[in-house]
């Protein structure tokens, strides 16, 4: 009789099912039929022959699961000779984590940030987690405010009507009401059960740039860039001699933007790794709306130096073929509908 040797937990990351070892207890059994379903899709249906030791393995399965799961939670089933021998919930993860999905999901949010993450009062933040059963989830917040009268700690909550599976909650601290007039938010911590995420607000002269992206767990996350943003336009021109004159008959202008992170804490190095390998990203532009962008380059290097300033840059272009965006001029126009024509 064929059996699955590999132990699979009720929930698993793709790397946990990268190798599926199968064995047989029947001396006369030479082969086994294998059927593997990911969601409603059959991703593998084949027959395998046992080796001399009575075992056979399916290798490098993680990439197959990642391709068919498409960054979504999937119910997976493995059948041997038509009999179900294992079923589990596959959670998207393009990393090889040190903890299994069961441990990670019970103790951590679905982010690679460890320790404190720097943010800005204008930045929208996202937190995602796995919930084993549907019901209300309460995110507890401990906020530290500073004012002329000193430092004040405040407790607040964010309630979410959570579903079974992955949940994501977003917020912007600029919408929070200070506990006292003139108080400034310095840092805060968000906890949910055993999970905790720490935030430190950085004050800068210019409004920082924020990118939202689908992280390695397939959920929304944001990163704030505190450094300078450089816009570069290098049109590609195609010319020909027309009517005795050289003319550009085609000009393709694709501007790019390069943003600097500013100095990052060590715990955010994984977040930057996630950004530069992200497949989908959006520029969070409150004036026009979030705009999808495509990363074209990055400068992100690490060394083994004992003292290292952690920073990098990301370069992107607009994902749309229409590269130029126009803002509608509103308040503050000189010759708008409110122009005083008294002396005309």
C-alpha atoms as a PDB file:
ATOM      1  CA  UNK A   1       0.000   0.000   0.000  1.00  0.00           C
ATOM      2  CA  UNK A   2       1.330   3.430  -0.959  1.00  0.00           C
ATOM      3  CA  UNK A   3       1.745   6.081   1.729  1.00  0.00           C
ATOM      4  CA  UNK A   4       3.006   9.637   2.050  1.00  0.00           C
ATOM      5  CA  UNK A   5       6.243   9.810   4.040  1.00  0.00           C
ATOM      6  CA  UNK A   6       6.462  13.620   4.173  1.00  0.00           C
ATOM      7  CA  UNK A   7       4.561  15.206   7.053  1.00  0.00           C
ATOM      8  CA  UNK A   8       2.370  18.125   5.935  1.00  0.00           C
ATOM      9  CA  UNK A   9       0.792  20.488   8.465  1.00  0.00           C
ATOM     10  CA  UNK A  10      -2.781  21.755   8.197  1.00  0.00           C
ATOM     11  CA  UNK A  11      -1.436  25.042   6.801  1.00  0.00           C
ATOM     12  CA  UNK A  12       1.841  25.211   4.893  1.00  0.00           C
ATOM     13  CA  UNK A  13       4.071  27.524   2.894  1.00  0.00           C
ATOM     14  CA  UNK A  14       5.195  26.296  -0.570  1.00  0.00           C
ATOM     15  CA  UNK A  15       8.732  25.536   0.630  1.00  0.00           C
ATOM     16  CA  UNK A  16       7.313  23.099   3.216  1.00  0.00           C
ATOM     17  CA  UNK A  17       5.942  20.914   0.426  1.00  0.00           C
ATOM     18  CA  UNK A  18       8.919  21.329  -1.906  1.00  0.00           C
ATOM     19  CA  UNK A  19       9.694  17.596  -1.578  1.00  0.00           C
ATOM     20  CA  UNK A  20       6.955  14.973  -1.350  1.00  0.00           C
ATOM     21  CA  UNK A  21       8.341  11.555  -0.436  1.00  0.00           C
ATOM     22  CA  UNK A  22       6.175   8.522  -1.136  1.00  0.00           C
ATOM     23  CA  UNK A  23       6.764   4.963   0.016  1.00  0.00           C
ATOM     24  CA  UNK A  24       5.143   1.548  -0.204  1.00  0.00           C
ATOM     25  CA  UNK A  25       4.582  -1.202   2.342  1.00  0.00           C
ATOM     26  CA  UNK A  26       3.695  -3.823  -0.269  1.00  0.00           C
ATOM     27  CA  UNK A  27       6.631  -5.795  -1.622  1.00  0.00           C
ATOM     28  CA  UNK A  28       4.948  -6.401  -4.949  1.00  0.00           C
ATOM     29  CA  UNK A  29       3.955  -2.774  -5.573  1.00  0.00           C
ATOM     30  CA  UNK A  30       6.122  -1.318  -8.330  1.00  0.00           C
ATOM     31  CA  UNK A  31       4.417   2.012  -9.091  1.00  0.00           C
ATOM     32  CA  UNK A  32       1.916   4.505  -7.782  1.00  0.00           C
ATOM     33  CA  UNK A  33      -0.468   6.948  -9.459  1.00  0.00           C
ATOM     34  CA  UNK A  34      -0.207  10.485  -8.085  1.00  0.00           C
ATOM     35  CA  UNK A  35      -2.859  13.201  -8.382  1.00  0.00           C
ATOM     36  CA  UNK A  36      -2.273  16.660  -6.919  1.00  0.00           C
ATOM     37  CA  UNK A  37      -4.925  19.377  -6.788  1.00  0.00           C
ATOM     38  CA  UNK A  38      -4.333  23.056  -5.983  1.00  0.00           C
ATOM     39  CA  UNK A  39      -7.704  24.676  -5.533  1.00  0.00           C
ATOM     40  CA  UNK A  40      -9.938  23.339  -8.278  1.00  0.00           C
ATOM     41  CA  UNK A  41      -7.036  22.759 -10.659  1.00  0.00           C
ATOM     42  CA  UNK A  42      -5.214  19.480 -11.166  1.00  0.00           C
ATOM     43  CA  UNK A  43      -1.555  20.508 -11.277  1.00  0.00           C
ATOM     44  CA  UNK A  44      -0.087  17.002 -11.476  1.00  0.00           C
ATOM     45  CA  UNK A  45      -1.384  13.620 -12.585  1.00  0.00           C
ATOM     46  CA  UNK A  46       1.228  10.976 -13.226  1.00  0.00           C
ATOM     47  CA  UNK A  47       2.488   7.493 -12.426  1.00  0.00           C
ATOM     48  CA  UNK A  48       5.775   6.989 -10.586  1.00  0.00           C
ATOM     49  CA  UNK A  49       7.891   3.882 -10.192  1.00  0.00           C
ATOM     50  CA  UNK A  50       9.365   3.009  -6.811  1.00  0.00           C
ATOM     51  CA  UNK A  51      13.114   2.667  -6.384  1.00  0.00           C
ATOM     52  CA  UNK A  52      14.904  -0.302  -4.907  1.00  0.00           C
ATOM     53  CA  UNK A  53      14.273   0.988  -1.390  1.00  0.00           C
ATOM     54  CA  UNK A  54      10.541   1.208  -2.001  1.00  0.00           C
ATOM     55  CA  UNK A  55      10.390   5.018  -2.125  1.00  0.00           C
ATOM     56  CA  UNK A  56      10.063   7.765  -4.720  1.00  0.00           C
ATOM     57  CA  UNK A  57      10.109  11.563  -4.357  1.00  0.00           C
ATOM     58  CA  UNK A  58       8.607  14.535  -6.118  1.00  0.00           C
ATOM     59  CA  UNK A  59      11.208  17.320  -6.025  1.00  0.00           C
ATOM     60  CA  UNK A  60      11.108  21.106  -6.559  1.00  0.00           C
ATOM     61  CA  UNK A  61       7.375  21.294  -6.003  1.00  0.00           C
ATOM     62  CA  UNK A  62       7.438  24.754  -4.391  1.00  0.00           C
ATOM     63  CA  UNK A  63       7.766  26.534  -7.744  1.00  0.00           C
ATOM     64  CA  UNK A  64       4.817  24.536  -9.101  1.00  0.00           C
ATOM     65  CA  UNK A  65       2.645  25.463  -6.129  1.00  0.00           C
ATOM     66  CA  UNK A  66       3.649  29.132  -6.422  1.00  0.00           C
ATOM     67  CA  UNK A  67       2.762  29.191 -10.119  1.00  0.00           C
ATOM     68  CA  UNK A  68      -0.703  27.706  -9.640  1.00  0.00           C
ATOM     69  CA  UNK A  69      -1.613  29.434  -6.369  1.00  0.00           C
ATOM     70  CA  UNK A  70      -1.155  32.883  -7.976  1.00  0.00           C
ATOM     71  CA  UNK A  71      -0.574  34.641  -4.626  1.00  0.00           C
ATOM     72  CA  UNK A  72      -3.824  33.298  -3.200  1.00  0.00           C
ATOM     73  CA  UNK A  73      -4.706  30.854  -0.429  1.00  0.00           C
ATOM     74  CA  UNK A  74      -5.508  27.450  -1.917  1.00  0.00           C
ATOM     75  CA  UNK A  75      -6.863  24.160  -0.605  1.00  0.00           C
ATOM     76  CA  UNK A  76      -4.529  21.379  -1.730  1.00  0.00           C
ATOM     77  CA  UNK A  77      -5.194  17.630  -1.939  1.00  0.00           C
ATOM     78  CA  UNK A  78      -2.786  14.765  -2.648  1.00  0.00           C
ATOM     79  CA  UNK A  79      -4.152  11.411  -3.807  1.00  0.00           C
ATOM     80  CA  UNK A  80      -2.228   8.146  -4.180  1.00  0.00           C
ATOM     81  CA  UNK A  81      -3.924   5.498  -6.316  1.00  0.00           C
ATOM     82  CA  UNK A  82      -7.119   7.553  -6.058  1.00  0.00           C
ATOM     83  CA  UNK A  83      -7.086   7.693  -2.255  1.00  0.00           C
ATOM     84  CA  UNK A  84      -6.669  11.028  -0.452  1.00  0.00           C
ATOM     85  CA  UNK A  85      -3.603  10.809   1.794  1.00  0.00           C
ATOM     86  CA  UNK A  86      -3.111  14.496   2.613  1.00  0.00           C
ATOM     87  CA  UNK A  87      -4.986  17.797   2.458  1.00  0.00           C
ATOM     88  CA  UNK A  88      -3.760  21.204   3.567  1.00  0.00           C
ATOM     89  CA  UNK A  89      -4.188  24.929   3.106  1.00  0.00           C
ATOM     90  CA  UNK A  90      -1.402  26.496   1.049  1.00  0.00           C
ATOM     91  CA  UNK A  91      -0.461  30.019   2.130  1.00  0.00           C
ATOM     92  CA  UNK A  92       1.439  32.162  -0.414  1.00  0.00           C
ATOM     93  CA  UNK A  93       5.083  32.726   0.502  1.00  0.00           C
ATOM     94  CA  UNK A  94       7.954  33.277  -1.936  1.00  0.00           C
ATOM     95  CA  UNK A  95      10.506  32.918   0.881  1.00  0.00           C
ATOM     96  CA  UNK A  96      12.119  30.053   2.746  1.00  0.00           C
ATOM     97  CA  UNK A  97      11.234  31.114   6.269  1.00  0.00           C
ATOM     98  CA  UNK A  98      12.894  29.820   9.424  1.00  0.00           C
ATOM     99  CA  UNK A  99       9.477  28.955  10.885  1.00  0.00           C
ATOM    100  CA  UNK A 100       6.725  26.795   9.487  1.00  0.00           C
ATOM    101  CA  UNK A 101       3.475  28.410   8.383  1.00  0.00           C
ATOM    102  CA  UNK A 102       1.774  27.208  11.567  1.00  0.00           C
ATOM    103  CA  UNK A 103       4.331  28.918  13.807  1.00  0.00           C
ATOM    104  CA  UNK A 104       4.682  32.041  11.664  1.00  0.00           C
ATOM    105  CA  UNK A 105       0.945  32.640  11.342  1.00  0.00           C
ATOM    106  CA  UNK A 106       0.338  32.203  15.065  1.00  0.00           C
ATOM    107  CA  UNK A 107       3.154  34.522  16.172  1.00  0.00           C
ATOM    108  CA  UNK A 108       3.758  37.032  13.362  1.00  0.00           C
ATOM    109  CA  UNK A 109       1.995  39.286  10.922  1.00  0.00           C
ATOM    110  CA  UNK A 110       2.470  38.493   7.229  1.00  0.00           C
ATOM    111  CA  UNK A 111       5.485  40.751   6.776  1.00  0.00           C
ATOM    112  CA  UNK A 112       9.244  40.272   6.844  1.00  0.00           C
ATOM    113  CA  UNK A 113       9.816  43.418   8.932  1.00  0.00           C
ATOM    114  CA  UNK A 114      11.415  42.591  12.260  1.00  0.00           C
ATOM    115  CA  UNK A 115      11.611  45.114  15.064  1.00  0.00           C
ATOM    116  CA  UNK A 116      10.739  48.738  14.402  1.00  0.00           C
ATOM    117  CA  UNK A 117       9.713  50.172  11.058  1.00  0.00           C
ATOM    118  CA  UNK A 118       9.995  53.864  10.242  1.00  0.00           C
ATOM    119  CA  UNK A 119       6.969  55.612   8.788  1.00  0.00           C
ATOM    120  CA  UNK A 120       5.460  59.066   8.376  1.00  0.00           C
ATOM    121  CA  UNK A 121       2.289  60.685   9.603  1.00  0.00           C
ATOM    122  CA  UNK A 122       1.008  60.864   6.007  1.00  0.00           C
ATOM    123  CA  UNK A 123       1.779  57.219   5.157  1.00  0.00           C
ATOM    124  CA  UNK A 124      -0.942  54.610   4.907  1.00  0.00           C
ATOM    125  CA  UNK A 125       0.067  51.392   6.657  1.00  0.00           C
ATOM    126  CA  UNK A 126      -1.120  47.828   6.088  1.00  0.00           C
ATOM    127  CA  UNK A 127      -1.040  44.778   8.359  1.00  0.00           C
ATOM    128  CA  UNK A 128      -2.100  41.277   7.342  1.00  0.00           C
ATOM    129  CA  UNK A 129      -2.523  38.125   9.364  1.00  0.00           C
ATOM    130  CA  UNK A 130      -3.894  34.606   9.175  1.00  0.00           C
ATOM    131  CA  UNK A 131      -7.041  33.873  11.137  1.00  0.00           C
ATOM    132  CA  UNK A 132      -8.102  30.258  11.659  1.00  0.00           C
ATOM    133  CA  UNK A 133     -11.782  31.105  12.172  1.00  0.00           C
ATOM    134  CA  UNK A 134     -14.054  33.953  11.146  1.00  0.00           C
ATOM    135  CA  UNK A 135     -14.953  36.496  13.808  1.00  0.00           C
ATOM    136  CA  UNK A 136     -14.101  39.884  15.188  1.00  0.00           C
ATOM    137  CA  UNK A 137     -10.413  40.767  15.496  1.00  0.00           C
ATOM    138  CA  UNK A 138      -9.268  43.634  17.684  1.00  0.00           C
ATOM    139  CA  UNK A 139      -5.939  45.296  16.927  1.00  0.00           C
ATOM    140  CA  UNK A 140      -4.669  46.902  20.120  1.00  0.00           C
ATOM    141  CA  UNK A 141      -2.649  50.097  19.701  1.00  0.00           C
ATOM    142  CA  UNK A 142      -0.313  51.644  22.240  1.00  0.00           C
ATOM    143  CA  UNK A 143       0.579  55.149  21.041  1.00  0.00           C
ATOM    144  CA  UNK A 144       3.206  57.499  22.432  1.00  0.00           C
ATOM    145  CA  UNK A 145       2.460  61.211  22.006  1.00  0.00           C
ATOM    146  CA  UNK A 146       4.745  64.167  22.767  1.00  0.00           C
ATOM    147  CA  UNK A 147       3.619  67.652  23.645  1.00  0.00           C
ATOM    148  CA  UNK A 148       4.862  70.738  25.476  1.00  0.00           C
ATOM    149  CA  UNK A 149       3.612  69.188  28.714  1.00  0.00           C
ATOM    150  CA  UNK A 150       5.604  65.978  28.247  1.00  0.00           C
ATOM    151  CA  UNK A 151       5.151  62.444  26.891  1.00  0.00           C
ATOM    152  CA  UNK A 152       1.791  60.717  27.071  1.00  0.00           C
ATOM    153  CA  UNK A 153       0.853  57.073  26.407  1.00  0.00           C
ATOM    154  CA  UNK A 154      -2.546  56.286  24.914  1.00  0.00           C
ATOM    155  CA  UNK A 155      -4.346  52.987  24.293  1.00  0.00           C
ATOM    156  CA  UNK A 156      -6.790  52.602  21.422  1.00  0.00           C
ATOM    157  CA  UNK A 157      -8.202  49.771  19.344  1.00  0.00           C
ATOM    158  CA  UNK A 158      -8.984  49.032  15.700  1.00  0.00           C
ATOM    159  CA  UNK A 159     -11.770  46.483  15.253  1.00  0.00           C
ATOM    160  CA  UNK A 160     -11.958  44.317  12.134  1.00  0.00           C
ATOM    161  CA  UNK A 161     -14.731  41.976  11.034  1.00  0.00           C
ATOM    162  CA  UNK A 162     -12.280  39.226  10.095  1.00  0.00           C
ATOM    163  CA  UNK A 163     -12.884  36.205   7.907  1.00  0.00           C
ATOM    164  CA  UNK A 164     -11.304  32.761   8.062  1.00  0.00           C
ATOM    165  CA  UNK A 165      -8.019  33.013   6.184  1.00  0.00           C
ATOM    166  CA  UNK A 166      -5.869  36.038   5.413  1.00  0.00           C
ATOM    167  CA  UNK A 167      -7.107  39.443   6.570  1.00  0.00           C
ATOM    168  CA  UNK A 168      -5.660  42.881   5.830  1.00  0.00           C
ATOM    169  CA  UNK A 169      -6.332  46.118   7.685  1.00  0.00           C
ATOM    170  CA  UNK A 170      -5.064  49.568   6.691  1.00  0.00           C
ATOM    171  CA  UNK A 171      -5.045  52.922   8.443  1.00  0.00           C
ATOM    172  CA  UNK A 172      -3.492  56.381   8.370  1.00  0.00           C
ATOM    173  CA  UNK A 173      -2.397  57.913  11.677  1.00  0.00           C
ATOM    174  CA  UNK A 174      -3.138  61.386  10.342  1.00  0.00           C
ATOM    175  CA  UNK A 175      -6.798  60.498  10.959  1.00  0.00           C
ATOM    176  CA  UNK A 176      -6.193  59.813  14.656  1.00  0.00           C
ATOM    177  CA  UNK A 177      -7.295  62.450  17.144  1.00  0.00           C
ATOM    178  CA  UNK A 178      -4.486  63.497  19.539  1.00  0.00           C
ATOM    179  CA  UNK A 179      -5.227  62.998  23.229  1.00  0.00           C
ATOM    180  CA  UNK A 180      -4.310  66.656  23.853  1.00  0.00           C
ATOM    181  CA  UNK A 181      -4.140  69.788  21.726  1.00  0.00           C
ATOM    182  CA  UNK A 182      -0.775  70.100  19.997  1.00  0.00           C
ATOM    183  CA  UNK A 183       0.337  66.539  20.806  1.00  0.00           C
ATOM    184  CA  UNK A 184       2.526  64.854  18.152  1.00  0.00           C
ATOM    185  CA  UNK A 185       2.595  61.107  17.589  1.00  0.00           C
ATOM    186  CA  UNK A 186       6.120  59.750  18.112  1.00  0.00           C
ATOM    187  CA  UNK A 187       5.746  55.981  17.954  1.00  0.00           C
ATOM    188  CA  UNK A 188       3.148  53.275  18.369  1.00  0.00           C
ATOM    189  CA  UNK A 189       2.788  49.499  18.564  1.00  0.00           C
ATOM    190  CA  UNK A 190       0.018  47.360  17.080  1.00  0.00           C
ATOM    191  CA  UNK A 191      -0.631  43.956  18.649  1.00  0.00           C
ATOM    192  CA  UNK A 192      -2.965  41.082  17.855  1.00  0.00           C
ATOM    193  CA  UNK A 193      -2.625  38.053  20.086  1.00  0.00           C
ATOM    194  CA  UNK A 194       1.066  37.081  20.072  1.00  0.00           C
ATOM    195  CA  UNK A 195       1.779  39.317  17.072  1.00  0.00           C
ATOM    196  CA  UNK A 196       3.302  42.775  17.446  1.00  0.00           C
ATOM    197  CA  UNK A 197       4.491  45.450  15.005  1.00  0.00           C
ATOM    198  CA  UNK A 198       6.356  48.563  16.152  1.00  0.00           C
ATOM    199  CA  UNK A 199       6.283  51.889  14.289  1.00  0.00           C
ATOM    200  CA  UNK A 200       8.477  54.961  14.660  1.00  0.00           C
ATOM    201  CA  UNK A 201       7.378  58.204  13.021  1.00  0.00           C
ATOM    202  CA  UNK A 202      10.114  60.173  11.282  1.00  0.00           C
ATOM    203  CA  UNK A 203       9.771  63.909  10.801  1.00  0.00           C
ATOM    204  CA  UNK A 204      11.140  65.201   7.477  1.00  0.00           C
ATOM    205  CA  UNK A 205      10.947  68.540   5.689  1.00  0.00           C
ATOM    206  CA  UNK A 206       9.569  67.138   2.435  1.00  0.00           C
ATOM    207  CA  UNK A 207       6.540  64.891   2.069  1.00  0.00           C
ATOM    208  CA  UNK A 208       7.908  61.362   1.628  1.00  0.00           C
ATOM    209  CA  UNK A 209       7.030  59.012  -1.217  1.00  0.00           C
ATOM    210  CA  UNK A 210       5.052  55.857  -0.447  1.00  0.00           C
ATOM    211  CA  UNK A 211       4.939  52.695  -2.536  1.00  0.00           C
ATOM    212  CA  UNK A 212       2.317  50.025  -1.962  1.00  0.00           C
ATOM    213  CA  UNK A 213       3.137  46.523  -3.200  1.00  0.00           C
ATOM    214  CA  UNK A 214       2.190  42.862  -3.005  1.00  0.00           C
ATOM    215  CA  UNK A 215       4.755  41.347  -0.663  1.00  0.00           C
ATOM    216  CA  UNK A 216       6.165  37.819  -0.505  1.00  0.00           C
ATOM    217  CA  UNK A 217       2.987  36.611   1.204  1.00  0.00           C
ATOM    218  CA  UNK A 218       0.808  38.012  -1.576  1.00  0.00           C
ATOM    219  CA  UNK A 219      -0.728  40.756   0.590  1.00  0.00           C
ATOM    220  CA  UNK A 220      -0.630  44.551   0.463  1.00  0.00           C
ATOM    221  CA  UNK A 221       2.169  46.341   2.276  1.00  0.00           C
ATOM    222  CA  UNK A 222       3.658  49.818   2.014  1.00  0.00           C
ATOM    223  CA  UNK A 223       7.121  51.317   2.272  1.00  0.00           C
ATOM    224  CA  UNK A 224       7.929  54.977   2.870  1.00  0.00           C
ATOM    225  CA  UNK A 225      10.861  56.585   1.051  1.00  0.00           C
ATOM    226  CA  UNK A 226      12.228  59.535   3.020  1.00  0.00           C
ATOM    227  CA  UNK A 227      14.991  60.594   0.637  1.00  0.00           C
ATOM    228  CA  UNK A 228      15.042  62.648  -2.518  1.00  0.00           C
ATOM    229  CA  UNK A 229      12.993  61.633  -5.568  1.00  0.00           C
ATOM    230  CA  UNK A 230      14.672  62.255  -8.922  1.00  0.00           C
ATOM    231  CA  UNK A 231      12.652  62.411 -12.141  1.00  0.00           C
ATOM    232  CA  UNK A 232      14.522  61.586 -15.337  1.00  0.00           C
ATOM    233  CA  UNK A 233      13.191  61.793 -18.898  1.00  0.00           C
ATOM    234  CA  UNK A 234      15.252  60.383 -21.770  1.00  0.00           C
ATOM    235  CA  UNK A 235      13.118  60.187 -24.912  1.00  0.00           C
ATOM    236  CA  UNK A 236      13.951  57.604 -27.558  1.00  0.00           C
ATOM    237  CA  UNK A 237      13.924  59.308 -30.967  1.00  0.00           C
ATOM    238  CA  UNK A 238      13.633  57.699 -34.388  1.00  0.00           C
ATOM    239  CA  UNK A 239      14.509  60.001 -37.268  1.00  0.00           C
ATOM    240  CA  UNK A 240      14.641  59.937 -41.038  1.00  0.00           C
ATOM    241  CA  UNK A 241      15.284  62.305 -43.904  1.00  0.00           C
ATOM    242  CA  UNK A 242      11.889  63.490 -45.110  1.00  0.00           C
ATOM    243  CA  UNK A 243      11.574  66.065 -47.865  1.00  0.00           C
ATOM    244  CA  UNK A 244      15.292  66.815 -47.649  1.00  0.00           C
ATOM    245  CA  UNK A 245      15.159  67.473 -43.895  1.00  0.00           C
ATOM    246  CA  UNK A 246      15.976  65.265 -40.933  1.00  0.00           C
ATOM    247  CA  UNK A 247      12.902  64.883 -38.792  1.00  0.00           C
ATOM    248  CA  UNK A 248      11.969  62.861 -35.724  1.00  0.00           C
ATOM    249  CA  UNK A 249       8.972  60.900 -36.901  1.00  0.00           C
ATOM    250  CA  UNK A 250       8.637  58.939 -33.659  1.00  0.00           C
ATOM    251  CA  UNK A 251       9.480  60.037 -30.120  1.00  0.00           C
ATOM    252  CA  UNK A 252       8.861  57.743 -27.169  1.00  0.00           C
ATOM    253  CA  UNK A 253       9.157  59.532 -23.861  1.00  0.00           C
ATOM    254  CA  UNK A 254       9.150  57.325 -20.776  1.00  0.00           C
ATOM    255  CA  UNK A 255      10.061  59.217 -17.606  1.00  0.00           C
ATOM    256  CA  UNK A 256      11.458  57.326 -14.639  1.00  0.00           C
ATOM    257  CA  UNK A 257      11.534  58.178 -10.955  1.00  0.00           C
ATOM    258  CA  UNK A 258      14.309  57.206  -8.548  1.00  0.00           C
ATOM    259  CA  UNK A 259      13.489  57.376  -4.844  1.00  0.00           C
ATOM    260  CA  UNK A 260      15.922  57.059  -1.961  1.00  0.00           C
ATOM    261  CA  UNK A 261      14.904  55.238   1.197  1.00  0.00           C
ATOM    262  CA  UNK A 262      16.876  57.401   3.584  1.00  0.00           C
ATOM    263  CA  UNK A 263      18.566  55.550   6.434  1.00  0.00           C
ATOM    264  CA  UNK A 264      16.735  52.370   7.432  1.00  0.00           C
ATOM    265  CA  UNK A 265      16.824  50.345  10.654  1.00  0.00           C
ATOM    266  CA  UNK A 266      18.269  46.844  10.364  1.00  0.00           C
ATOM    267  CA  UNK A 267      14.857  45.257  10.827  1.00  0.00           C
ATOM    268  CA  UNK A 268      13.583  46.814   7.583  1.00  0.00           C
ATOM    269  CA  UNK A 269      16.235  45.297   5.314  1.00  0.00           C
ATOM    270  CA  UNK A 270      13.875  42.437   4.488  1.00  0.00           C
ATOM    271  CA  UNK A 271      11.169  44.922   3.527  1.00  0.00           C
ATOM    272  CA  UNK A 272      13.481  46.544   0.999  1.00  0.00           C
ATOM    273  CA  UNK A 273      14.301  43.078  -0.364  1.00  0.00           C
ATOM    274  CA  UNK A 274      10.570  42.542  -0.775  1.00  0.00           C
ATOM    275  CA  UNK A 275      10.083  45.849  -2.614  1.00  0.00           C
ATOM    276  CA  UNK A 276      12.817  45.297  -5.211  1.00  0.00           C
ATOM    277  CA  UNK A 277      11.528  41.820  -6.082  1.00  0.00           C
ATOM    278  CA  UNK A 278       7.819  42.751  -6.005  1.00  0.00           C
ATOM    279  CA  UNK A 279       5.880  42.005  -9.157  1.00  0.00           C
ATOM    280  CA  UNK A 280       3.137  44.598  -8.637  1.00  0.00           C
ATOM    281  CA  UNK A 281       3.530  48.038  -7.059  1.00  0.00           C
ATOM    282  CA  UNK A 282       1.525  51.244  -6.801  1.00  0.00           C
ATOM    283  CA  UNK A 283       2.586  54.827  -6.172  1.00  0.00           C
ATOM    284  CA  UNK A 284       0.314  56.138  -3.442  1.00  0.00           C
ATOM    285  CA  UNK A 285      -0.502  59.588  -4.766  1.00  0.00           C
ATOM    286  CA  UNK A 286      -3.365  61.117  -2.835  1.00  0.00           C
ATOM    287  CA  UNK A 287      -3.817  63.970  -5.332  1.00  0.00           C
ATOM    288  CA  UNK A 288      -4.562  61.742  -8.315  1.00  0.00           C
ATOM    289  CA  UNK A 289      -5.095  58.271  -6.871  1.00  0.00           C
ATOM    290  CA  UNK A 290      -2.869  55.234  -6.552  1.00  0.00           C
ATOM    291  CA  UNK A 291      -1.009  54.620  -9.815  1.00  0.00           C
ATOM    292  CA  UNK A 292       0.495  51.277 -10.789  1.00  0.00           C
ATOM    293  CA  UNK A 293       4.230  51.420 -11.466  1.00  0.00           C
ATOM    294  CA  UNK A 294       6.911  49.008 -12.668  1.00  0.00           C
ATOM    295  CA  UNK A 295      10.350  48.813 -11.077  1.00  0.00           C
ATOM    296  CA  UNK A 296      13.093  49.132 -13.670  1.00  0.00           C
ATOM    297  CA  UNK A 297      16.198  49.303 -11.484  1.00  0.00           C
ATOM    298  CA  UNK A 298      17.400  49.453  -7.905  1.00  0.00           C
ATOM    299  CA  UNK A 299      20.550  50.105  -5.909  1.00  0.00           C
ATOM    300  CA  UNK A 300      20.426  47.915  -2.834  1.00  0.00           C
ATOM    301  CA  UNK A 301      23.626  46.366  -1.529  1.00  0.00           C
ATOM    302  CA  UNK A 302      24.651  44.901   1.812  1.00  0.00           C
ATOM    303  CA  UNK A 303      28.111  44.255   3.199  1.00  0.00           C
ATOM    304  CA  UNK A 304      29.541  42.485   6.231  1.00  0.00           C
ATOM    305  CA  UNK A 305      30.935  45.730   7.642  1.00  0.00           C
ATOM    306  CA  UNK A 306      30.482  46.080  11.383  1.00  0.00           C
ATOM    307  CA  UNK A 307      29.105  49.582  10.910  1.00  0.00           C
ATOM    308  CA  UNK A 308      26.975  50.155   7.837  1.00  0.00           C
ATOM    309  CA  UNK A 309      24.505  52.835   6.827  1.00  0.00           C
ATOM    310  CA  UNK A 310      21.503  50.954   5.499  1.00  0.00           C
ATOM    311  CA  UNK A 311      19.907  52.729   2.541  1.00  0.00           C
ATOM    312  CA  UNK A 312      19.086  52.193  -1.108  1.00  0.00           C
ATOM    313  CA  UNK A 313      17.182  53.462  -4.110  1.00  0.00           C
ATOM    314  CA  UNK A 314      14.368  52.154  -6.311  1.00  0.00           C
ATOM    315  CA  UNK A 315      13.711  53.329  -9.865  1.00  0.00           C
ATOM    316  CA  UNK A 316      10.334  52.905 -11.510  1.00  0.00           C
ATOM    317  CA  UNK A 317       8.217  53.960 -14.461  1.00  0.00           C
ATOM    318  CA  UNK A 318       4.467  54.166 -14.872  1.00  0.00           C
ATOM    319  CA  UNK A 319       2.976  50.797 -15.797  1.00  0.00           C
ATOM    320  CA  UNK A 320       0.441  52.385 -18.157  1.00  0.00           C
ATOM    321  CA  UNK A 321       1.323  53.205 -21.763  1.00  0.00           C
ATOM    322  CA  UNK A 322       0.061  56.715 -21.046  1.00  0.00           C
ATOM    323  CA  UNK A 323       3.049  58.072 -19.187  1.00  0.00           C
ATOM    324  CA  UNK A 324       2.055  61.672 -18.509  1.00  0.00           C
ATOM    325  CA  UNK A 325      -0.386  62.638 -15.777  1.00  0.00           C
ATOM    326  CA  UNK A 326      -2.006  66.023 -15.383  1.00  0.00           C
ATOM    327  CA  UNK A 327      -3.302  67.548 -12.181  1.00  0.00           C
ATOM    328  CA  UNK A 328      -6.398  69.720 -12.250  1.00  0.00           C
ATOM    329  CA  UNK A 329      -5.427  73.063 -10.780  1.00  0.00           C
ATOM    330  CA  UNK A 330      -7.867  73.903  -8.019  1.00  0.00           C
ATOM    331  CA  UNK A 331      -7.446  76.110  -4.963  1.00  0.00           C
ATOM    332  CA  UNK A 332      -5.011  78.954  -5.300  1.00  0.00           C
ATOM    333  CA  UNK A 333      -5.427  79.703  -9.020  1.00  0.00           C
ATOM    334  CA  UNK A 334      -5.041  83.335 -10.012  1.00  0.00           C
ATOM    335  CA  UNK A 335      -7.374  83.443 -13.006  1.00  0.00           C
ATOM    336  CA  UNK A 336     -10.023  80.931 -11.914  1.00  0.00           C
ATOM    337  CA  UNK A 337     -13.769  81.358 -11.421  1.00  0.00           C
ATOM    338  CA  UNK A 338     -13.162  83.480  -8.305  1.00  0.00           C
ATOM    339  CA  UNK A 339     -11.067  86.094 -10.119  1.00  0.00           C
ATOM    340  CA  UNK A 340     -12.252  89.570  -9.217  1.00  0.00           C
ATOM    341  CA  UNK A 341     -13.355  91.355 -12.420  1.00  0.00           C
ATOM    342  CA  UNK A 342     -14.506  94.513 -10.654  1.00  0.00           C
ATOM    343  CA  UNK A 343     -12.094  96.732 -12.547  1.00  0.00           C
ATOM    344  CA  UNK A 344     -12.411  95.100 -15.977  1.00  0.00           C
END
